[in-house]
Amino acid sequence: MRIIYMGTPDFAVPALDALVKAGHDIAAVYSQPPRPAGRGKALRPSPVHQRAEELGIEVRTPVSLKDADPQAAFAALNADIAVVAAYGLILPRAVLDAPRHGCMNIHASLLPRWRGAAPIQRAILAGDNVTGITIMDMEAGLDTGPMRAKHVTPIEDKTAGVLTAELALAGADLMVEVLDDVALHPPMAQPDDGVTYASKIDKAEARIDFSHDAHQIERQIRAFNPFPGAFFEYRGERFRILAAHVEHHVGTPGELLDDSLLIGCGHDAIRPTLIQRAGKGAMNAGELLRGFAMPAGSRVDG
């Protein structure tokens, strides 16, 4: 097939590779424009942009697709289908209708649960047992289109980073499978029941509230690893918790219950096992405490 590929972050790279490996003709890649990054704030192309250039594929980075000129340029590619994975721009009707077979999306949830921007993080935060990939036809609504195929993945104790990488590979394989024989994967309308929305992550959500249940906090830690990082403050310094486990212990929320960083919660307690001080690298709790005392009885602020 002649495909327009549309994606931006690391999540979308495996599908591009898989489509090229499967022998499809990639007419062009669309990605978000380069953004300032690093200390020098130099413009850095997205992971998909970089990978497409390595593959020798034309890359287009329009700021918007709402105007007639970018829509005409899109249509002029004369594609059979557009494949979309975490692209980040709204596709107007003119774009959705331009390819002969429309647009298909690789969405990182089991639709209709977790439509929207942050399905992986929201599934972890909610304590879902499973998540997955849905290949869907795109329409004007937010992730409302008919479904072509699904892949189910257990969440277990995975972080958002681990789960994202796992689902990226699963989505790539499933997309290739669907395109190998579209007739074997007819569209099926999403059910009306079970719809939930995965709103974009706000950095303010990363601050830990130790009055919450320790299991909820542990999920918050996994959901926000690697970004934005669940954190607390101690003596005016910020600490990101990258991994932790729950212990059955009664204590005042936010109080250090021993000299090994056991923190009281609204129910049970949380013990960080991997932690990062502001401006420092990640370290285990023992390494932190050898150079930075956090004695029992003191308090941390969420």
Foldseek 3Di string as FASTA:
>chain_A
DEEEEAAFAPLQQLLVVLCVVLPYHDLAYEAAFFFQDDPVRDTDGGPNVVVCVVVVGHYDHDNACPDDVNLVVLLVSAAQEYEYEHRPYQDDPSNQVRHVPGYKYWDWFDPLEAFEDQRLLVCLLVVPQKTWIWIFGDDNDGPQGFTFDIDIDGPPLAASVVSSVVRSNVSSVVVSVCVVPVVVRDTDGTDPPDHDHDYDDDLVLLEDDQQDAQSSVQSSLRSQVPPPFRWWADPRWIKGFNHKDWAQDADDAFFQAAFQAWGHGNGGTIHGQWMDTVPGDIDGSVVVCVVDTDGGGDGIGD
